[in-house]
Protein backbone atom coordinates (compact mmCIF):
# COMPACT_ATOMS: atom_id res chain seq x y z
CA UNK A 1 -4.05 -86.96 -3.04
CA UNK A 2 -7.31 -86.06 -5.05
CA UNK A 3 -10.71 -86.00 -4.07
CA UNK A 4 -12.51 -88.94 -5.07
CA UNK A 5 -15.86 -86.98 -5.24
CA UNK A 6 -14.99 -84.74 -8.16
CA UNK A 7 -16.09 -85.28 -11.57
CA UNK A 8 -12.98 -86.60 -13.79
CA UNK A 9 -13.08 -84.93 -16.97
CA UNK A 10 -10.78 -86.49 -19.94
CA UNK A 11 -9.27 -83.52 -21.64
CA UNK A 12 -8.87 -84.78 -25.55
CA UNK A 13 -7.14 -82.44 -28.22
CA UNK A 14 -4.01 -82.11 -30.02
CA UNK A 15 -2.47 -79.77 -27.57
CA UNK A 16 -0.34 -82.98 -26.66
CA UNK A 17 1.75 -82.10 -29.42
CA UNK A 18 2.54 -78.29 -28.86
CA UNK A 19 6.06 -77.67 -27.41
CA UNK A 20 4.57 -76.62 -24.16
CA UNK A 21 1.91 -79.54 -23.86
CA UNK A 22 2.57 -79.64 -20.44
CA UNK A 23 1.66 -76.27 -19.44
CA UNK A 24 -1.47 -76.10 -21.61
CA UNK A 25 -2.48 -79.37 -19.95
CA UNK A 26 -1.81 -77.89 -16.65
CA UNK A 27 -3.59 -74.77 -17.23
CA UNK A 28 -6.52 -76.76 -18.64
CA UNK A 29 -6.62 -78.71 -15.23
CA UNK A 30 -6.65 -75.73 -13.36
CA UNK A 31 -9.34 -74.28 -15.16
CA UNK A 32 -11.41 -77.81 -14.37
CA UNK A 33 -10.22 -77.45 -10.42
CA UNK A 34 -11.70 -74.20 -10.37
CA UNK A 35 -15.43 -75.43 -11.07
CA UNK A 36 -14.98 -78.65 -9.22
CA UNK A 37 -13.99 -81.41 -11.80
CA UNK A 38 -10.25 -83.24 -12.11
CA UNK A 39 -8.78 -82.69 -15.31
CA UNK A 40 -7.20 -85.72 -16.84
CA UNK A 41 -4.65 -84.64 -19.59
CA UNK A 42 -3.48 -87.50 -21.66
CA UNK A 43 0.09 -86.54 -20.72
CA UNK A 44 -0.43 -87.07 -17.15
CA UNK A 45 0.36 -90.74 -17.50
CA UNK A 46 4.02 -91.16 -16.54
CA UNK A 47 5.07 -93.84 -18.90
CA UNK A 48 8.61 -95.35 -19.29
CA UNK A 49 8.59 -95.52 -23.07
CA UNK A 50 12.64 -95.41 -22.80
CA UNK A 51 13.90 -98.54 -25.21
CA UNK A 52 11.03 -99.57 -26.46
CA UNK A 53 10.27 -99.95 -30.15
CA UNK A 54 8.06 -97.24 -31.65
CA UNK A 55 5.13 -99.91 -32.06
CA UNK A 56 5.36 -100.97 -28.77
CA UNK A 57 5.68 -97.03 -27.41
CA UNK A 58 2.39 -96.32 -29.53
CA UNK A 59 0.74 -99.34 -28.42
CA UNK A 60 1.25 -98.44 -24.48
CA UNK A 61 0.38 -94.88 -25.03
CA UNK A 62 -3.04 -95.78 -26.46
CA UNK A 63 -3.79 -98.38 -23.82
CA UNK A 64 -2.87 -95.98 -21.31
CA UNK A 65 -4.92 -93.46 -22.72
CA UNK A 66 -8.03 -95.70 -23.15
CA UNK A 67 -7.69 -96.67 -19.56
CA UNK A 68 -7.36 -93.27 -18.55
CA UNK A 69 -10.39 -92.34 -20.26
CA UNK A 70 -12.61 -95.38 -18.73
CA UNK A 71 -11.81 -93.78 -15.32
CA UNK A 72 -13.25 -90.49 -16.52
CA UNK A 73 -16.90 -89.17 -16.02
CA UNK A 74 -16.92 -86.92 -19.01
CA UNK A 75 -14.73 -85.73 -22.15
CA UNK A 76 -13.97 -82.17 -23.36
CA UNK A 77 -12.45 -82.23 -26.63
CA UNK A 78 -10.31 -79.42 -28.71
CA UNK A 79 -11.86 -79.95 -32.37
CA UNK A 80 -9.80 -77.23 -33.81
CA UNK A 81 -8.50 -78.44 -37.30
CA UNK A 82 -5.09 -79.97 -36.91
CA UNK A 83 -3.07 -81.21 -39.97
CA UNK A 84 -6.26 -80.50 -42.51
CA UNK A 85 -9.58 -79.28 -42.45
CA UNK A 86 -10.79 -81.37 -39.44
CA UNK A 87 -10.10 -82.44 -36.05
CA UNK A 88 -7.14 -84.64 -34.89
CA UNK A 89 -7.95 -87.93 -35.61
CA UNK A 90 -6.91 -89.36 -32.43
CA UNK A 91 -9.21 -86.80 -30.85
CA UNK A 92 -12.14 -88.12 -32.86
CA UNK A 93 -11.25 -91.61 -31.50
CA UNK A 94 -11.46 -90.52 -28.06
CA UNK A 95 -14.85 -88.93 -28.86
CA UNK A 96 -15.98 -92.09 -30.01
CA UNK A 97 -14.72 -94.13 -27.15
CA UNK A 98 -16.31 -91.80 -24.59
CA UNK A 99 -19.52 -91.96 -26.41
CA UNK A 100 -19.51 -95.38 -26.78
CA UNK A 101 -18.97 -95.71 -22.93
CA UNK A 102 -21.91 -93.48 -22.75
CA UNK A 103 -20.27 -90.78 -21.02
CA UNK A 104 -20.94 -86.82 -21.81
CA UNK A 105 -18.76 -85.68 -24.60
CA UNK A 106 -18.28 -81.90 -25.26
CA UNK A 107 -16.35 -80.17 -27.61
CA UNK A 108 -14.95 -76.63 -28.82
CA UNK A 109 -13.03 -75.27 -31.88
CA UNK A 110 -11.29 -72.13 -32.42
CA UNK A 111 -12.09 -72.05 -36.14
CA UNK A 112 -15.25 -70.08 -37.40
CA UNK A 113 -16.89 -71.23 -40.49
CA UNK A 114 -18.42 -74.59 -40.89
CA UNK A 115 -16.89 -78.07 -41.93
CA UNK A 116 -18.26 -77.60 -45.51
CA UNK A 117 -16.61 -74.09 -45.93
CA UNK A 118 -13.14 -75.30 -44.70
CA UNK A 119 -13.07 -78.24 -46.82
CA UNK A 120 -13.99 -76.34 -49.96
CA UNK A 121 -11.23 -73.68 -49.13
CA UNK A 122 -8.97 -76.66 -48.76
CA UNK A 123 -9.67 -78.16 -52.14
CA UNK A 124 -8.51 -74.70 -53.59
CA UNK A 125 -4.70 -75.17 -52.50
CA UNK A 126 -2.54 -78.06 -53.27
CA UNK A 127 -3.84 -81.07 -51.38
CA UNK A 128 -1.25 -83.58 -49.77
CA UNK A 129 -0.58 -86.32 -52.38
CA UNK A 130 -1.78 -88.62 -49.99
CA UNK A 131 -5.22 -86.97 -49.96
CA UNK A 132 -8.09 -88.98 -51.43
CA UNK A 133 -10.13 -85.62 -51.73
CA UNK A 134 -10.99 -84.48 -54.89
CA UNK A 135 -13.69 -82.56 -57.11
CA UNK A 136 -16.82 -84.70 -57.70
CA UNK A 137 -16.06 -86.45 -54.31
CA UNK A 138 -19.14 -85.04 -51.91
CA UNK A 139 -18.64 -82.91 -49.02
CA UNK A 140 -20.81 -83.37 -46.22
CA UNK A 141 -22.79 -79.92 -45.65
CA UNK A 142 -25.00 -79.82 -42.67
CA UNK A 143 -23.95 -76.51 -41.48
CA UNK A 144 -21.94 -78.14 -38.61
CA UNK A 145 -18.67 -77.26 -37.25
CA UNK A 146 -17.17 -80.51 -37.59
CA UNK A 147 -18.30 -83.94 -39.20
CA UNK A 148 -22.07 -85.11 -38.48
CA UNK A 149 -20.52 -87.85 -36.40
CA UNK A 150 -19.01 -85.54 -34.11
CA UNK A 151 -21.10 -83.05 -33.65
CA UNK A 152 -24.39 -85.21 -33.32
CA UNK A 153 -22.23 -87.46 -30.65
CA UNK A 154 -21.76 -83.71 -28.86
CA UNK A 155 -25.40 -82.82 -29.15
CA UNK A 156 -26.70 -86.43 -28.03
CA UNK A 157 -24.39 -85.59 -24.82
CA UNK A 158 -26.72 -82.60 -24.01
CA UNK A 159 -24.72 -79.73 -25.70
CA UNK A 160 -23.31 -78.37 -29.10
CA UNK A 161 -20.10 -77.43 -30.44
CA UNK A 162 -18.67 -74.46 -28.88
CA UNK A 163 -17.44 -72.30 -31.91
CA UNK A 164 -15.23 -69.43 -31.12
CA UNK A 165 -12.53 -67.52 -33.00
CA UNK A 166 -9.20 -67.56 -31.52
CA UNK A 167 -8.17 -64.61 -29.64
CA UNK A 168 -4.47 -65.22 -29.65
CA UNK A 169 -1.68 -66.13 -31.92
CA UNK A 170 -1.92 -69.83 -30.97
CA UNK A 171 -5.37 -71.29 -31.81
CA UNK A 172 -4.90 -74.31 -30.49
CA UNK A 173 -4.03 -73.08 -27.09
CA UNK A 174 -6.80 -70.43 -26.84
CA UNK A 175 -9.22 -71.62 -23.85
CA UNK A 176 -12.11 -69.47 -24.33
CA UNK A 177 -14.18 -72.31 -25.69
CA UNK A 178 -12.70 -74.78 -23.32
CA UNK A 179 -14.07 -72.38 -20.40
CA UNK A 180 -17.35 -72.13 -22.08
CA UNK A 181 -17.36 -76.17 -22.55
CA UNK A 182 -16.59 -76.57 -18.66
CA UNK A 183 -19.68 -74.13 -17.51
CA UNK A 184 -21.76 -76.14 -19.82
CA UNK A 185 -20.59 -79.59 -18.56
CA UNK A 186 -20.96 -77.98 -14.68
CA UNK A 187 -24.55 -77.75 -15.71
CA UNK A 188 -25.06 -81.07 -17.10
CA UNK A 189 -23.23 -83.06 -14.26
CA UNK A 190 -25.51 -81.26 -11.67
């Protein structure tokens, strides 16, 4: 049984794709509990997806995550680039969803360097044939860690993106920035 007075924090990020996602999620929830929060890791929803089509399974996961977010008081998002130069697209949706609900959003990235620097470096390598980026297409350059819509959403929530250089061989699982976001959120929710 959980204490219903603890702020509930939705834990967004691509960690759900890691082979040990439940371990990483449990650690994030444990760190939340240390500061008086209840962590809501998206894989917490025990959905029975057996026998469903891929489309129906996707629909149920999306709706379960949206329902979980509506019960949350705030969101902390892992913005570390995933499958490209920018954050996970599902995480971007979750940041926007929570921002639209008027709830605080915080974020961290384990990639040093701003978005424009990463995008320019990406152009130097062979891009995916499905990527529409090309020389001559503008790269937004506002000295922000992530796309301006994400950075401004977090700033308007009373924080800034926490940037750390990953200190472990698995940058997606480094929780240094996450811990800093927890401390900031504790101050915001006083």
